[in-house]
Amino acid sequence: MRQLIVAGLIASAMVTGTGVCQADERGPSESAGVEQFAVLPDGVRFPEGITANPATGEIYVGTFDFGPNANKLLRFAKNGRLIAQRDFGKAPLLGLGFDAAHNKVFILNVGAIAGAGASKVQRIAAAFDNTTAVEDVAPIPVIGAPTPRTVGNPDGSSDVITFGSSGVPVPNGMVFDHLGNLYVSDSFQGAIFRIDNAKTCATPCAVTLVSHDPLLATAGFPPFGANGLALNAAETALFIANTGDNRVLKMDIATKAVSVFAESVHGADGLLFDASGRLWVAANQADQIVALNDKARPVARVGEFEGIHRDGTPQGLLFPASMVIVGEHMYVTNLALPLTPAVGDEPEEDVTRWTIARFTVPNR
């Protein structure tokens, strides 16, 4: 069902637990300072995943396009100049990751959502060009939806949410631990998978189901459950964005228990820890990047949508999806994806050129 919902929305657009601090509380705002880093080539739309080579400052971006245009993996120099692009055809791309030890870019290919092959983890040499081979690391298994979720009401009653399954894996976010194990979220199946020794395992690598908790699924909007991932510095907890539920979740690595960390982060998408231990969340429906402290309290907000330039590019942030930090800057993909079937009600419909934004990471 979710496959049909997402495809339909995009097609039409083309014409808390106790003590959890609410993430919609007022916090410091830094709208100024968001600048355009790069513009995607003509005909290349909807930048979603992003990663970087910290040694060279090169930025890598994947696209999430269901239209007639081919999806691309793009490689930008640290000054924003496009160096190379690799064609992925109809297969949309979501999360990206960087393997510095082997100089590879890891890719979450969601071909199954577009009828373009299996959904899988792939990798490619960081210095790729348009002919570089793409290696399949592992397919994402079909496991269906998690069990129903019971939600308590203030009057003592409860509701039960039963999740349907399209049978389509949608790997969305990824993060490596220090041992090279790769955690992958699945937005439609409400799951977290792990590939042990993903950087060196013999392909196809084994995929282990880590969690299939009902909190990882959603009946909300946008219709994506488990999304961005981030590990804390001690690697004792995995943080998981649930986009449709506007939540950030926390999974204990040892027990695999999943709990709510932060509520009301509007369209929680990409996640990223900075050197100060703040957890940055791309609030894609709020057009902001929000920093949370270890108590889930917002301590910084950056960005806002500031209109469309004459050249068709968004000014500021518009549907920010993913981010990466290189040096003092955070780089953000402006997905700018229309989602509602009504025509003319979203600024994303006015975008004709898509961008990568950046800003200086504010001090603590």
Protein backbone atom coordinates (compact mmCIF):
# COMPACT_ATOMS: atom_id res chain seq x y z
CA MET A 1 0.00 0.00 0.00
CA ARG A 2 2.76 2.47 0.89
CA GLN A 3 4.34 1.95 -2.52
CA LEU A 4 1.10 3.02 -4.20
CA ILE A 5 0.68 5.99 -1.88
CA VAL A 6 4.17 7.34 -2.48
CA ALA A 7 4.09 6.74 -6.23
CA GLY A 8 0.68 8.39 -6.48
CA LEU A 9 1.70 11.43 -4.48
CA ILE A 10 4.85 11.96 -6.48
CA ALA A 11 3.11 11.38 -9.80
CA SER A 12 0.40 13.93 -9.01
CA ALA A 13 2.95 16.43 -7.75
CA MET A 14 4.81 16.21 -11.00
CA VAL A 15 1.96 17.80 -12.93
CA THR A 16 6.85 9.89 23.86
CA GLY A 17 7.65 8.50 26.70
CA THR A 18 7.84 9.84 30.29
CA GLY A 19 10.41 12.57 30.58
CA VAL A 20 10.87 12.99 26.83
CA CYS A 21 11.31 16.67 26.04
CA GLN A 22 9.13 17.90 23.18
CA ALA A 23 11.11 18.86 20.10
CA ASP A 24 8.76 21.65 19.13
CA GLU A 25 9.78 23.86 22.06
CA ARG A 26 11.32 27.18 21.16
CA GLY A 27 15.09 27.17 20.86
CA PRO A 28 17.80 29.39 19.41
CA SER A 29 17.28 30.08 15.71
CA GLU A 30 19.90 30.78 13.07
CA SER A 31 18.04 31.22 9.81
CA ALA A 32 20.72 33.43 8.38
CA GLY A 33 23.90 31.89 7.08
CA VAL A 34 22.39 29.14 4.91
CA GLU A 35 23.99 29.47 1.51
CA GLN A 36 23.86 27.63 -1.78
CA PHE A 37 26.77 25.22 -2.17
CA ALA A 38 25.94 23.56 -5.49
CA VAL A 39 23.23 23.37 -8.15
CA LEU A 40 22.38 20.01 -9.69
CA PRO A 41 22.79 19.65 -13.46
CA ASP A 42 19.84 20.41 -15.74
CA GLY A 43 17.28 17.60 -15.61
CA VAL A 44 18.65 16.09 -12.38
CA ARG A 45 16.13 16.40 -9.55
CA PHE A 46 15.37 15.62 -5.94
CA PRO A 47 18.73 15.27 -4.12
CA GLU A 48 18.20 13.07 -1.07
CA GLY A 49 21.19 11.14 0.34
CA ILE A 50 24.52 12.83 1.02
CA THR A 51 27.96 11.84 2.25
CA ALA A 52 31.50 13.18 2.00
CA ASN A 53 35.15 12.22 1.71
CA PRO A 54 36.72 13.98 4.70
CA ALA A 55 40.20 13.73 3.17
CA THR A 56 39.32 15.62 -0.01
CA GLY A 57 36.20 17.53 0.97
CA GLU A 58 34.32 16.01 -1.97
CA ILE A 59 30.55 15.76 -1.52
CA TYR A 60 28.45 12.87 -2.88
CA VAL A 61 24.70 13.16 -3.51
CA GLY A 62 22.08 10.66 -4.71
CA THR A 63 18.69 11.47 -6.25
CA PHE A 64 15.21 10.16 -5.45
CA ASP A 65 13.31 10.67 -8.72
CA PHE A 66 10.24 8.73 -9.92
CA GLY A 67 9.83 10.74 -13.10
CA PRO A 68 11.23 10.26 -16.60
CA ASN A 69 14.68 11.50 -15.61
CA ALA A 70 17.41 9.05 -14.66
CA ASN A 71 18.59 8.92 -11.06
CA LYS A 72 22.18 9.90 -10.49
CA LEU A 73 25.01 9.62 -8.01
CA LEU A 74 26.78 12.99 -8.16
CA ARG A 75 30.29 13.89 -7.08
CA PHE A 76 31.12 17.51 -6.24
CA ALA A 77 34.46 19.11 -5.51
CA LYS A 78 34.82 21.01 -2.24
CA ASN A 79 34.16 24.24 -4.14
CA GLY A 80 30.81 22.96 -5.44
CA ARG A 81 31.96 22.10 -8.95
CA LEU A 82 30.46 18.93 -10.41
CA ILE A 83 33.23 16.40 -11.02
CA ALA A 84 31.31 13.30 -12.12
CA GLN A 85 27.90 11.67 -12.28
CA ARG A 86 26.94 8.01 -12.45
CA ASP A 87 23.61 6.98 -13.98
CA PHE A 88 21.33 4.61 -12.01
CA GLY A 89 18.38 4.72 -14.41
CA LYS A 90 14.92 4.38 -12.88
CA ALA A 91 16.24 3.14 -9.52
CA PRO A 92 15.86 5.87 -6.87
CA LEU A 93 18.66 6.31 -4.35
CA LEU A 94 18.26 7.10 -0.65
CA GLY A 95 20.96 7.00 2.05
CA LEU A 96 24.66 7.25 1.30
CA GLY A 97 27.71 6.46 3.45
CA PHE A 98 31.46 6.77 3.09
CA ASP A 99 34.07 4.06 3.72
CA ALA A 100 37.31 5.99 4.23
CA ALA A 101 39.40 2.85 4.74
CA HIS A 102 38.63 1.57 1.24
CA ASN A 103 37.67 4.85 -0.44
CA LYS A 104 34.18 3.67 -1.35
CA VAL A 105 30.75 5.26 -1.38
CA PHE A 106 27.95 3.05 -0.03
CA ILE A 107 24.52 3.48 -1.62
CA LEU A 108 20.98 2.45 -0.67
CA ASN A 109 19.32 1.59 -3.97
CA VAL A 110 15.50 1.36 -3.68
CA GLY A 111 14.83 -0.03 -7.14
CA ALA A 112 11.96 -2.17 -5.83
CA ILE A 113 9.83 0.90 -5.12
CA ALA A 114 10.03 1.91 -8.79
CA GLY A 115 9.93 -1.52 -10.42
CA ALA A 116 13.62 -1.19 -11.23
CA GLY A 117 15.08 -4.29 -9.65
CA ALA A 118 15.75 -5.26 -6.05
CA SER A 119 16.29 -2.88 -3.16
CA LYS A 120 19.88 -3.34 -2.06
CA VAL A 121 23.05 -1.97 -0.56
CA GLN A 122 25.68 -1.12 -3.15
CA ARG A 123 29.11 0.49 -3.25
CA ILE A 124 31.28 2.28 -5.78
CA ALA A 125 34.80 3.67 -5.89
CA ALA A 126 34.87 7.23 -4.50
CA ALA A 127 36.74 8.49 -7.56
CA PHE A 128 34.02 7.21 -9.88
CA ASP A 129 33.10 8.44 -13.34
CA ASN A 130 30.14 7.59 -15.58
CA THR A 131 31.51 4.14 -16.42
CA THR A 132 32.73 2.95 -13.00
CA ALA A 133 31.30 -0.42 -11.96
CA VAL A 134 28.76 -0.52 -9.13
CA GLU A 135 29.09 -3.49 -6.78
CA ASP A 136 26.08 -5.12 -5.10
CA VAL A 137 26.82 -5.67 -1.40
CA ALA A 138 23.55 -7.24 -0.21
CA PRO A 139 19.84 -7.35 -1.09
CA ILE A 140 17.39 -6.17 1.57
CA PRO A 141 15.07 -9.05 2.49
CA VAL A 142 11.29 -8.94 2.36
CA ILE A 143 9.92 -9.42 5.89
CA GLY A 144 6.58 -7.58 5.78
CA ALA A 145 5.16 -5.16 8.31
CA PRO A 146 5.75 -5.31 12.07
CA THR A 147 3.07 -6.37 14.53
CA PRO A 148 0.31 -3.88 15.45
CA ARG A 149 1.08 -1.00 17.80
CA THR A 150 -1.17 -0.22 20.76
CA VAL A 151 -1.40 3.47 21.60
CA GLY A 152 -2.82 4.68 24.90
CA ASN A 153 -5.27 7.58 25.10
CA PRO A 154 -5.62 10.16 27.90
CA ASP A 155 -9.01 8.74 28.93
CA GLY A 156 -7.51 5.33 29.59
CA SER A 157 -8.70 3.74 26.37
CA SER A 158 -6.35 2.64 23.63
CA ASP A 159 -6.15 2.40 19.86
CA VAL A 160 -4.49 -0.29 17.79
CA ILE A 161 -2.59 0.61 14.63
CA THR A 162 -2.25 -2.28 12.20
CA PHE A 163 0.36 -1.83 9.51
CA GLY A 164 -0.10 -3.14 5.98
CA SER A 165 2.77 -4.38 3.88
CA SER A 166 3.50 -3.73 0.22
CA GLY A 167 6.21 -6.38 0.29
CA VAL A 168 8.63 -3.71 -0.91
CA PRO A 169 11.86 -3.11 1.05
CA VAL A 170 12.77 0.58 1.25
CA PRO A 171 16.25 0.92 2.79
CA ASN A 172 16.55 4.58 3.69
CA GLY A 173 19.22 5.46 6.27
CA MET A 174 22.60 3.95 7.08
CA VAL A 175 25.38 4.32 9.62
CA PHE A 176 28.64 2.44 10.24
CA ASP A 177 29.92 1.53 13.68
CA HIS A 178 33.65 1.59 14.48
CA LEU A 179 33.99 -2.11 13.60
CA GLY A 180 32.66 -1.58 10.09
CA ASN A 181 29.23 -3.09 10.74
CA LEU A 182 26.51 -1.28 8.79
CA TYR A 183 23.08 -0.51 10.23
CA VAL A 184 20.31 0.09 7.68
CA SER A 185 16.75 1.32 8.27
CA ASP A 186 13.75 0.18 6.23
CA SER A 187 10.99 2.78 6.02
CA PHE A 188 8.17 0.59 4.70
CA GLN A 189 8.88 -2.61 6.61
CA GLY A 190 9.54 -0.82 9.90
CA ALA A 191 12.87 -2.51 10.48
CA ILE A 192 16.53 -2.12 11.29
CA PHE A 193 18.99 -4.47 9.58
CA ARG A 194 22.72 -4.97 10.13
CA ILE A 195 25.43 -6.15 7.76
CA ASP A 196 28.45 -7.31 9.72
CA ASN A 197 31.85 -6.26 8.36
CA ALA A 198 30.06 -4.56 5.48
CA LYS A 199 33.24 -2.97 4.20
CA THR A 200 35.02 -6.30 3.69
CA CYS A 201 32.43 -9.13 3.72
CA ALA A 202 32.22 -11.45 0.75
CA THR A 203 29.26 -10.49 -1.41
CA PRO A 204 26.42 -11.08 -1.20
CA CYS A 205 26.91 -10.21 2.46
CA ALA A 206 24.66 -11.64 5.14
CA VAL A 207 21.87 -9.35 6.38
CA THR A 208 20.70 -9.69 10.00
CA LEU A 209 17.37 -8.39 11.28
CA VAL A 210 18.09 -6.31 14.38
CA SER A 211 14.64 -4.91 15.15
CA HIS A 212 11.13 -5.15 13.72
CA ASP A 213 9.50 -2.99 16.36
CA PRO A 214 6.09 -1.37 15.70
CA LEU A 215 7.59 2.00 16.66
CA LEU A 216 9.67 1.78 13.48
CA ALA A 217 6.59 1.85 11.25
CA THR A 218 4.16 4.70 10.62
CA ALA A 219 0.61 5.37 9.55
CA GLY A 220 1.46 9.07 9.27
CA PHE A 221 2.64 11.47 6.59
CA PRO A 222 5.00 11.53 4.77
CA PRO A 223 4.50 7.74 4.70
CA PHE A 224 8.05 6.79 5.70
CA GLY A 225 8.79 5.11 9.03
CA ALA A 226 12.34 4.29 10.12
CA ASN A 227 14.58 6.71 8.26
CA GLY A 228 17.79 8.51 9.27
CA LEU A 229 20.22 6.74 11.61
CA ALA A 230 22.96 7.92 13.97
CA LEU A 231 25.06 6.19 16.63
CA ASN A 232 26.10 7.99 19.81
CA ALA A 233 29.83 8.32 20.48
CA ALA A 234 29.90 5.32 22.81
CA GLU A 235 27.91 3.27 20.27
CA THR A 236 25.55 2.14 23.01
CA ALA A 237 22.47 3.61 21.33
CA LEU A 238 21.18 3.86 17.79
CA PHE A 239 18.99 6.89 17.09
CA ILE A 240 16.32 6.48 14.42
CA ALA A 241 14.12 9.09 12.76
CA ASN A 242 10.50 8.11 12.14
CA THR A 243 9.40 10.61 9.53
CA GLY A 244 5.65 9.99 9.47
CA ASP A 245 5.40 9.99 13.26
CA ASN A 246 7.52 13.17 13.66
CA ARG A 247 9.71 11.33 16.14
CA VAL A 248 13.27 10.44 16.92
CA LEU A 249 13.56 6.98 18.45
CA LYS A 250 16.34 5.42 20.48
CA MET A 251 17.36 1.76 20.34
CA ASP A 252 19.56 0.27 23.03
CA ILE A 253 22.28 -1.63 21.16
CA ALA A 254 22.62 -4.27 23.88
CA THR A 255 18.95 -5.06 24.50
CA LYS A 256 17.49 -3.89 21.15
CA ALA A 257 14.73 -2.11 23.10
CA VAL A 258 13.21 0.81 21.14
CA SER A 259 11.83 3.88 22.88
CA VAL A 260 10.76 7.41 21.99
CA PHE A 261 13.55 9.96 22.40
CA ALA A 262 11.95 13.12 20.95
CA GLU A 263 8.46 14.03 19.79
CA SER A 264 7.13 16.63 17.34
CA VAL A 265 10.14 16.97 15.05
CA HIS A 266 8.13 17.82 11.95
CA GLY A 267 9.14 15.29 9.29
CA ALA A 268 12.23 13.93 11.09
CA ASP A 269 14.49 12.67 8.31
CA GLY A 270 18.31 12.62 8.31
CA LEU A 271 20.21 12.34 11.62
CA LEU A 272 23.77 13.33 12.46
CA PHE A 273 25.83 13.78 15.63
CA ASP A 274 28.36 16.62 15.72
CA ALA A 275 31.62 16.73 17.64
CA SER A 276 29.87 18.35 20.61
CA GLY A 277 27.43 15.46 20.98
CA ARG A 278 24.40 17.33 19.65
CA LEU A 279 22.02 15.26 17.55
CA TRP A 280 21.05 17.18 14.40
CA VAL A 281 17.72 16.29 12.79
CA ALA A 282 16.54 17.30 9.33
CA ALA A 283 12.94 18.41 9.96
CA ASN A 284 11.90 18.14 6.33
CA GLN A 285 8.35 19.44 6.78
CA ALA A 286 9.55 22.44 8.83
CA ASP A 287 12.37 23.37 6.40
CA GLN A 288 14.82 23.41 9.31
CA ILE A 289 17.74 21.53 10.80
CA VAL A 290 17.25 21.11 14.56
CA ALA A 291 19.92 20.21 17.13
CA LEU A 292 18.87 18.20 20.20
CA ASN A 293 20.87 17.75 23.38
CA ASP A 294 21.09 14.49 25.33
CA LYS A 295 17.76 15.27 27.00
CA ALA A 296 16.03 15.70 23.60
CA ARG A 297 15.76 19.44 24.15
CA PRO A 298 16.24 21.66 21.07
CA VAL A 299 19.36 23.76 21.53
CA ALA A 300 19.72 25.17 18.00
CA ARG A 301 17.64 25.62 14.87
CA VAL A 302 19.07 26.51 11.49
CA GLY A 303 17.36 27.53 8.30
CA GLU A 304 13.99 28.28 6.82
CA PHE A 305 12.47 28.48 3.36
CA GLU A 306 13.04 31.97 1.95
CA GLY A 307 11.49 31.72 -1.50
CA ILE A 308 12.44 30.69 -5.03
CA HIS A 309 15.23 32.45 -6.93
CA ARG A 310 14.62 33.67 -10.48
CA ASP A 311 16.69 30.75 -11.74
CA GLY A 312 14.26 28.28 -10.12
CA THR A 313 16.44 27.28 -7.17
CA PRO A 314 15.15 27.34 -3.58
CA GLN A 315 16.55 29.95 -1.23
CA GLY A 316 17.40 28.67 2.25
CA LEU A 317 16.11 25.18 3.05
CA LEU A 318 13.21 23.45 1.32
CA PHE A 319 12.41 19.87 2.39
CA PRO A 320 15.90 19.23 3.81
CA ALA A 321 16.48 15.48 3.77
CA SER A 322 20.04 14.55 4.72
CA MET A 323 23.21 16.21 5.92
CA VAL A 324 26.93 15.69 6.42
CA ILE A 325 29.57 17.69 8.27
CA VAL A 326 32.94 18.48 6.71
CA GLY A 327 35.16 20.82 8.70
CA GLU A 328 33.10 23.69 10.02
CA HIS A 329 30.28 23.32 7.50
CA MET A 330 27.15 21.20 7.39
CA TYR A 331 25.98 20.30 3.87
CA VAL A 332 22.25 19.64 3.34
CA THR A 333 20.27 18.20 0.44
CA ASN A 334 17.25 20.32 -0.51
CA LEU A 335 15.01 17.49 -1.66
CA ALA A 336 12.23 19.98 -2.55
CA LEU A 337 9.81 17.15 -3.35
CA PRO A 338 6.09 17.92 -3.82
CA LEU A 339 4.00 15.35 -1.97
CA THR A 340 0.35 16.39 -2.02
CA PRO A 341 -1.97 15.62 -4.96
CA ALA A 342 -3.37 19.16 -5.12
CA VAL A 343 -1.67 21.36 -7.70
CA GLY A 344 -0.34 24.77 -6.78
CA ASP A 345 -0.33 24.42 -2.99
CA GLU A 346 3.36 23.64 -2.40
CA PRO A 347 6.43 25.82 -3.04
CA GLU A 348 8.28 22.67 -4.11
CA GLU A 349 6.20 22.75 -7.30
CA ASP A 350 7.92 26.00 -8.30
CA VAL A 351 11.44 24.58 -8.11
CA THR A 352 13.05 23.91 -11.49
CA ARG A 353 16.69 23.55 -10.36
CA TRP A 354 17.68 21.58 -7.27
CA THR A 355 20.43 22.45 -4.81
CA ILE A 356 22.75 21.49 -2.01
CA ALA A 357 22.86 24.04 0.80
CA ARG A 358 25.43 24.57 3.52
CA PHE A 359 25.95 26.57 6.69
CA THR A 360 28.58 26.97 9.38
CA VAL A 361 27.77 24.66 12.29
CA PRO A 362 26.89 26.99 15.17
CA ASN A 363 28.96 26.84 18.32
CA ARG A 364 27.47 25.17 21.34
